């Protein structure tokens, strides 16, 4: 990785939704870094491994409580 190549960090919010954020900027309120800074492609690949259920956490919880 060269010094001019931008790095990113995968971030997650309270609803367990993921995004990427440039590592040279403060992470926005409500988001938490997941892992170390890496290339955009590596961060997106990591998110692909982690985010297997696209439903927000609150929806998953509500659906698990509702009778079927």
PDB file of N, CA and C in Angstrom:
ATOM      1  N   UNK A   1       0.849  -1.163   0.000  1.00  0.00           N
ATOM      2  CA  UNK A   1       0.000   0.000   0.000  1.00  0.00           C
ATOM      3  C   UNK A   1       0.902   1.235   0.000  1.00  0.00           C
ATOM      4  N   UNK A   2       0.652   2.158  -0.889  1.00  0.00           N
ATOM      5  CA  UNK A   2       1.461   3.375  -0.949  1.00  0.00           C
ATOM      6  C   UNK A   2       0.869   4.435  -0.036  1.00  0.00           C
ATOM      7  N   UNK A   3       1.657   5.461   0.257  1.00  0.00           N
ATOM      8  CA  UNK A   3       1.189   6.533   1.123  1.00  0.00           C
ATOM      9  C   UNK A   3       0.030   7.306   0.512  1.00  0.00           C
ATOM     10  N   UNK A   4      -0.074   7.327  -0.821  1.00  0.00           N
ATOM     11  CA  UNK A   4      -1.132   8.096  -1.472  1.00  0.00           C
ATOM     12  C   UNK A   4      -2.433   7.301  -1.597  1.00  0.00           C
ATOM     13  N   UNK A   5      -2.411   6.019  -1.313  1.00  0.00           N
ATOM     14  CA  UNK A   5      -3.627   5.208  -1.402  1.00  0.00           C
ATOM     15  C   UNK A   5      -4.485   5.426  -0.160  1.00  0.00           C
ATOM     16  N   UNK A   6      -5.744   5.762  -0.379  1.00  0.00           N
ATOM     17  CA  UNK A   6      -6.641   5.996   0.746  1.00  0.00           C
ATOM     18  C   UNK A   6      -6.946   4.688   1.464  1.00  0.00           C
ATOM     19  N   UNK A   7      -7.101   4.782   2.770  1.00  0.00           N
ATOM     20  CA  UNK A   7      -7.528   3.623   3.550  1.00  0.00           C
ATOM     21  C   UNK A   7      -8.874   3.939   4.187  1.00  0.00           C
ATOM     22  N   UNK A   8      -9.587   2.885   4.468  1.00  0.00           N
ATOM     23  CA  UNK A   8     -10.935   2.983   5.014  1.00  0.00           C
ATOM     24  C   UNK A   8     -11.030   2.084   6.234  1.00  0.00           C
ATOM     25  N   UNK A   9     -12.098   2.255   6.955  1.00  0.00           N
ATOM     26  CA  UNK A   9     -12.400   1.356   8.064  1.00  0.00           C
ATOM     27  C   UNK A   9     -13.868   0.961   7.937  1.00  0.00           C
ATOM     28  N   UNK A  10     -14.159  -0.301   8.196  1.00  0.00           N
ATOM     29  CA  UNK A  10     -15.553  -0.748   8.240  1.00  0.00           C
ATOM     30  C   UNK A  10     -16.137  -0.232   9.544  1.00  0.00           C
ATOM     31  N   UNK A  11     -17.368   0.254   9.486  1.00  0.00           N
ATOM     32  CA  UNK A  11     -18.054   0.768  10.669  1.00  0.00           C
ATOM     33  C   UNK A  11     -19.424   0.119  10.781  1.00  0.00           C
ATOM     34  N   UNK A  12     -19.925   0.037  12.026  1.00  0.00           N
ATOM     35  CA  UNK A  12     -21.232  -0.584  12.293  1.00  0.00           C
ATOM     36  C   UNK A  12     -22.022   0.332  13.225  1.00  0.00           C
ATOM     37  N   UNK A  13     -23.331   0.417  12.993  1.00  0.00           N
ATOM     38  CA  UNK A  13     -24.173   1.225  13.880  1.00  0.00           C
ATOM     39  C   UNK A  13     -24.926   0.322  14.857  1.00  0.00           C
ATOM     40  N   UNK A  14     -25.769   0.941  15.689  1.00  0.00           N
ATOM     41  CA  UNK A  14     -26.506   0.183  16.707  1.00  0.00           C
ATOM     42  C   UNK A  14     -27.506  -0.800  16.115  1.00  0.00           C
ATOM     43  N   UNK A  15     -27.904  -0.588  14.884  1.00  0.00           N
ATOM     44  CA  UNK A  15     -28.827  -1.502  14.201  1.00  0.00           C
ATOM     45  C   UNK A  15     -28.073  -2.627  13.488  1.00  0.00           C
ATOM     46  N   UNK A  16     -26.756  -2.687  13.717  1.00  0.00           N
ATOM     47  CA  UNK A  16     -25.874  -3.696  13.117  1.00  0.00           C
ATOM     48  C   UNK A  16     -25.863  -3.603  11.597  1.00  0.00           C
ATOM     49  N   UNK A  17     -25.924  -2.363  11.104  1.00  0.00           N
ATOM     50  CA  UNK A  17     -25.769  -2.085   9.683  1.00  0.00           C
ATOM     51  C   UNK A  17     -24.328  -1.626   9.485  1.00  0.00           C
ATOM     52  N   UNK A  18     -23.765  -1.914   8.332  1.00  0.00           N
ATOM     53  CA  UNK A  18     -22.358  -1.637   8.075  1.00  0.00           C
ATOM     54  C   UNK A  18     -22.185  -0.620   6.962  1.00  0.00           C
ATOM     55  N   UNK A  19     -21.035   0.026   6.998  1.00  0.00           N
ATOM     56  CA  UNK A  19     -20.632   0.959   5.952  1.00  0.00           C
ATOM     57  C   UNK A  19     -19.108   1.057   6.011  1.00  0.00           C
ATOM     58  N   UNK A  20     -18.543   1.856   5.106  1.00  0.00           N
ATOM     59  CA  UNK A  20     -17.112   2.135   5.203  1.00  0.00           C
ATOM     60  C   UNK A  20     -16.935   3.629   5.384  1.00  0.00           C
ATOM     61  N   UNK A  21     -15.818   4.007   5.992  1.00  0.00           N
ATOM     62  CA  UNK A  21     -15.521   5.394   6.281  1.00  0.00           C
ATOM     63  C   UNK A  21     -14.031   5.613   6.062  1.00  0.00           C
ATOM     64  N   UNK A  22     -13.691   6.752   5.504  1.00  0.00           N
ATOM     65  CA  UNK A  22     -12.265   7.052   5.310  1.00  0.00           C
ATOM     66  C   UNK A  22     -11.569   7.077   6.660  1.00  0.00           C
ATOM     67  N   UNK A  23     -10.430   6.419   6.742  1.00  0.00           N
ATOM     68  CA  UNK A  23      -9.748   6.276   8.033  1.00  0.00           C
ATOM     69  C   UNK A  23      -9.108   7.573   8.517  1.00  0.00           C
ATOM     70  N   UNK A  24      -8.963   8.560   7.637  1.00  0.00           N
ATOM     71  CA  UNK A  24      -8.367   9.826   8.063  1.00  0.00           C
ATOM     72  C   UNK A  24      -9.403  10.815   8.593  1.00  0.00           C
ATOM     73  N   UNK A  25     -10.643  10.379   8.719  1.00  0.00           N
ATOM     74  CA  UNK A  25     -11.723  11.225   9.228  1.00  0.00           C
ATOM     75  C   UNK A  25     -12.317  10.609  10.491  1.00  0.00           C
ATOM     76  N   UNK A  26     -12.810  11.449  11.391  1.00  0.00           N
ATOM     77  CA  UNK A  26     -13.448  10.896  12.601  1.00  0.00           C
ATOM     78  C   UNK A  26     -14.690  10.082  12.225  1.00  0.00           C
ATOM     79  N   UNK A  27     -14.864   8.991  12.918  1.00  0.00           N
ATOM     80  CA  UNK A  27     -16.055   8.146  12.689  1.00  0.00           C
ATOM     81  C   UNK A  27     -17.272   8.914  13.190  1.00  0.00           C
ATOM     82  N   UNK A  28     -18.349   8.971  12.399  1.00  0.00           N
ATOM     83  CA  UNK A  28     -19.543   9.718  12.818  1.00  0.00           C
ATOM     84  C   UNK A  28     -20.169   9.152  14.088  1.00  0.00           C
ATOM     85  N   UNK A  29     -20.866  10.010  14.802  1.00  0.00           N
ATOM     86  CA  UNK A  29     -21.581   9.591  16.005  1.00  0.00           C
ATOM     87  C   UNK A  29     -22.549   8.464  15.643  1.00  0.00           C
ATOM     88  N   UNK A  30     -22.623   7.479  16.512  1.00  0.00           N
ATOM     89  CA  UNK A  30     -23.538   6.360  16.292  1.00  0.00           C
ATOM     90  C   UNK A  30     -22.918   5.200  15.528  1.00  0.00           C
ATOM     91  N   UNK A  31     -21.685   5.352  15.093  1.00  0.00           N
ATOM     92  CA  UNK A  31     -20.988   4.293  14.347  1.00  0.00           C
ATOM     93  C   UNK A  31     -19.738   3.888  15.110  1.00  0.00           C
ATOM     94  N   UNK A  32     -19.386   2.607  15.023  1.00  0.00           N
ATOM     95  CA  UNK A  32     -18.222   2.060  15.711  1.00  0.00           C
ATOM     96  C   UNK A  32     -17.322   1.362  14.704  1.00  0.00           C
ATOM     97  N   UNK A  33     -16.011   1.640  14.747  1.00  0.00           N
ATOM     98  CA  UNK A  33     -15.105   0.927  13.830  1.00  0.00           C
ATOM     99  C   UNK A  33     -15.110  -0.573  14.099  1.00  0.00           C
ATOM    100  N   UNK A  34     -14.980  -1.328  13.021  1.00  0.00           N
ATOM    101  CA  UNK A  34     -14.906  -2.786  13.104  1.00  0.00           C
ATOM    102  C   UNK A  34     -13.633  -3.185  12.357  1.00  0.00           C
ATOM    103  N   UNK A  35     -12.614  -3.590  13.085  1.00  0.00           N
ATOM    104  CA  UNK A  35     -11.363  -3.975  12.441  1.00  0.00           C
ATOM    105  C   UNK A  35     -10.428  -2.795  12.231  1.00  0.00           C
ATOM    106  N   UNK A  36      -9.378  -3.063  11.521  1.00  0.00           N
ATOM    107  CA  UNK A  36      -8.318  -2.091  11.276  1.00  0.00           C
ATOM    108  C   UNK A  36      -8.504  -1.421   9.925  1.00  0.00           C
ATOM    109  N   UNK A  37      -7.920  -0.232   9.738  1.00  0.00           N
ATOM    110  CA  UNK A  37      -7.966   0.411   8.420  1.00  0.00           C
ATOM    111  C   UNK A  37      -7.374  -0.495   7.343  1.00  0.00           C
ATOM    112  N   UNK A  38      -7.976  -0.434   6.165  1.00  0.00           N
ATOM    113  CA  UNK A  38      -7.542  -1.277   5.048  1.00  0.00           C
ATOM    114  C   UNK A  38      -7.997  -0.609   3.752  1.00  0.00           C
ATOM    115  N   UNK A  39      -7.737  -1.263   2.655  1.00  0.00           N
ATOM    116  CA  UNK A  39      -8.189  -0.736   1.364  1.00  0.00           C
ATOM    117  C   UNK A  39      -9.719  -0.790   1.310  1.00  0.00           C
ATOM    118  N   UNK A  40     -10.276  -0.033   0.404  1.00  0.00           N
ATOM    119  CA  UNK A  40     -11.733  -0.016   0.219  1.00  0.00           C
ATOM    120  C   UNK A  40     -12.233  -1.424  -0.086  1.00  0.00           C
ATOM    121  N   UNK A  41     -11.538  -2.112  -0.972  1.00  0.00           N
ATOM    122  CA  UNK A  41     -11.946  -3.460  -1.366  1.00  0.00           C
ATOM    123  C   UNK A  41     -11.911  -4.423  -0.191  1.00  0.00           C
ATOM    124  N   UNK A  42     -10.854  -4.332   0.628  1.00  0.00           N
ATOM    125  CA  UNK A  42     -10.754  -5.219   1.789  1.00  0.00           C
ATOM    126  C   UNK A  42     -11.855  -4.941   2.809  1.00  0.00           C
ATOM    127  N   UNK A  43     -12.170  -3.659   3.012  1.00  0.00           N
ATOM    128  CA  UNK A  43     -13.245  -3.312   3.943  1.00  0.00           C
ATOM    129  C   UNK A  43     -14.588  -3.837   3.436  1.00  0.00           C
ATOM    130  N   UNK A  44     -14.847  -3.675   2.147  1.00  0.00           N
ATOM    131  CA  UNK A  44     -16.100  -4.171   1.583  1.00  0.00           C
ATOM    132  C   UNK A  44     -16.181  -5.691   1.665  1.00  0.00           C
ATOM    133  N   UNK A  45     -15.068  -6.369   1.468  1.00  0.00           N
ATOM    134  CA  UNK A  45     -15.055  -7.828   1.591  1.00  0.00           C
ATOM    135  C   UNK A  45     -15.346  -8.244   3.032  1.00  0.00           C
ATOM    136  N   UNK A  46     -14.783  -7.529   3.984  1.00  0.00           N
ATOM    137  CA  UNK A  46     -15.020  -7.831   5.400  1.00  0.00           C
ATOM    138  C   UNK A  46     -16.500  -7.643   5.739  1.00  0.00           C
ATOM    139  N   UNK A  47     -17.082  -6.549   5.249  1.00  0.00           N
ATOM    140  CA  UNK A  47     -18.504  -6.305   5.479  1.00  0.00           C
ATOM    141  C   UNK A  47     -19.330  -7.435   4.868  1.00  0.00           C
ATOM    142  N   UNK A  48     -18.938  -7.903   3.701  1.00  0.00           N
ATOM    143  CA  UNK A  48     -19.642  -9.012   3.067  1.00  0.00           C
ATOM    144  C   UNK A  48     -19.625 -10.277   3.917  1.00  0.00           C
ATOM    145  N   UNK A  49     -18.550 -10.471   4.674  1.00  0.00           N
ATOM    146  CA  UNK A  49     -18.455 -11.625   5.574  1.00  0.00           C
ATOM    147  C   UNK A  49     -19.324 -11.433   6.818  1.00  0.00           C
ATOM    148  N   UNK A  50     -19.375 -10.212   7.320  1.00  0.00           N
ATOM    149  CA  UNK A  50     -20.052  -9.944   8.587  1.00  0.00           C
ATOM    150  C   UNK A  50     -21.549  -9.691   8.457  1.00  0.00           C
ATOM    151  N   UNK A  51     -21.948  -9.011   7.404  1.00  0.00           N
ATOM    152  CA  UNK A  51     -23.339  -8.547   7.277  1.00  0.00           C
ATOM    153  C   UNK A  51     -24.127  -9.534   6.439  1.00  0.00           C
ATOM    154  N   UNK A  52     -24.548 -10.599   7.059  1.00  0.00           N
ATOM    155  CA  UNK A  52     -25.236 -11.670   6.339  1.00  0.00           C
ATOM    156  C   UNK A  52     -26.750 -11.526   6.380  1.00  0.00           C
ATOM    157  N   UNK A  53     -27.260 -10.696   7.281  1.00  0.00           N
ATOM    158  CA  UNK A  53     -28.695 -10.450   7.379  1.00  0.00           C
ATOM    159  C   UNK A  53     -28.898  -8.941   7.304  1.00  0.00           C
ATOM    160  N   UNK A  54     -29.456  -8.472   6.203  1.00  0.00           N
ATOM    161  CA  UNK A  54     -29.562  -7.035   5.946  1.00  0.00           C
ATOM    162  C   UNK A  54     -30.635  -6.347   6.788  1.00  0.00           C
ATOM    163  N   UNK A  55     -31.458  -7.111   7.476  1.00  0.00           N
ATOM    164  CA  UNK A  55     -32.497  -6.491   8.303  1.00  0.00           C
ATOM    165  C   UNK A  55     -31.864  -5.783   9.500  1.00  0.00           C
ATOM    166  N   UNK A  56     -32.375  -4.596   9.872  1.00  0.00           N
ATOM    167  CA  UNK A  56     -31.879  -3.927  11.072  1.00  0.00           C
ATOM    168  C   UNK A  56     -32.084  -4.810  12.302  1.00  0.00           C
ATOM    169  N   UNK A  57     -31.225  -4.655  13.283  1.00  0.00           N
ATOM    170  CA  UNK A  57     -31.292  -5.467  14.499  1.00  0.00           C
ATOM    171  C   UNK A  57     -32.651  -5.353  15.178  1.00  0.00           C
ATOM    172  N   UNK A  58     -33.244  -4.154  15.190  1.00  0.00           N
ATOM    173  CA  UNK A  58     -34.545  -3.993  15.849  1.00  0.00           C
ATOM    174  C   UNK A  58     -35.634  -4.792  15.131  1.00  0.00           C
ATOM    175  N   UNK A  59     -35.570  -4.882  13.828  1.00  0.00           N
ATOM    176  CA  UNK A  59     -36.549  -5.677  13.084  1.00  0.00           C
ATOM    177  C   UNK A  59     -36.348  -7.161  13.350  1.00  0.00           C
ATOM    178  N   UNK A  60     -35.107  -7.612  13.368  1.00  0.00           N
ATOM    179  CA  UNK A  60     -34.840  -9.027  13.672  1.00  0.00           C
ATOM    180  C   UNK A  60     -35.371  -9.385  15.054  1.00  0.00           C
ATOM    181  N   UNK A  61     -35.158  -8.481  16.026  1.00  0.00           N
ATOM    182  CA  UNK A  61     -35.634  -8.741  17.390  1.00  0.00           C
ATOM    183  C   UNK A  61     -37.152  -8.776  17.435  1.00  0.00           C
ATOM    184  N   UNK A  62     -37.804  -7.834  16.774  1.00  0.00           N
ATOM    185  CA  UNK A  62     -39.269  -7.803  16.757  1.00  0.00           C
ATOM    186  C   UNK A  62     -39.837  -9.056  16.100  1.00  0.00           C
ATOM    187  N   UNK A  63     -39.215  -9.494  15.026  1.00  0.00           N
ATOM    188  CA  UNK A  63     -39.701 -10.683  14.327  1.00  0.00           C
ATOM    189  C   UNK A  63     -39.503 -11.934  15.179  1.00  0.00           C
ATOM    190  N   UNK A  64     -38.469 -11.976  15.984  1.00  0.00           N
ATOM    191  CA  UNK A  64     -38.246 -13.157  16.821  1.00  0.00           C
ATOM    192  C   UNK A  64     -39.229 -13.210  17.982  1.00  0.00           C
ATOM    193  N   UNK A  65     -39.795 -12.068  18.378  1.00  0.00           N
ATOM    194  CA  UNK A  65     -40.775 -12.013  19.472  1.00  0.00           C
ATOM    195  C   UNK A  65     -42.206 -12.263  18.995  1.00  0.00           C
ATOM    196  N   UNK A  66     -42.464 -12.007  17.726  1.00  0.00           N
ATOM    197  CA  UNK A  66     -43.839 -12.129  17.243  1.00  0.00           C
ATOM    198  C   UNK A  66     -44.207 -13.591  17.017  1.00  0.00           C
ATOM    199  N   UNK A  67     -45.466 -13.934  17.320  1.00  0.00           N
ATOM    200  CA  UNK A  67     -45.905 -15.317  17.087  1.00  0.00           C
ATOM    201  C   UNK A  67     -45.955 -15.605  15.594  1.00  0.00           C
ATOM    202  N   UNK A  68     -45.683 -16.827  15.255  1.00  0.00           N
ATOM    203  CA  UNK A  68     -45.652 -17.200  13.833  1.00  0.00           C
ATOM    204  C   UNK A  68     -46.862 -17.935  13.453  1.00  0.00           C
TER     205      UNK A  68
END
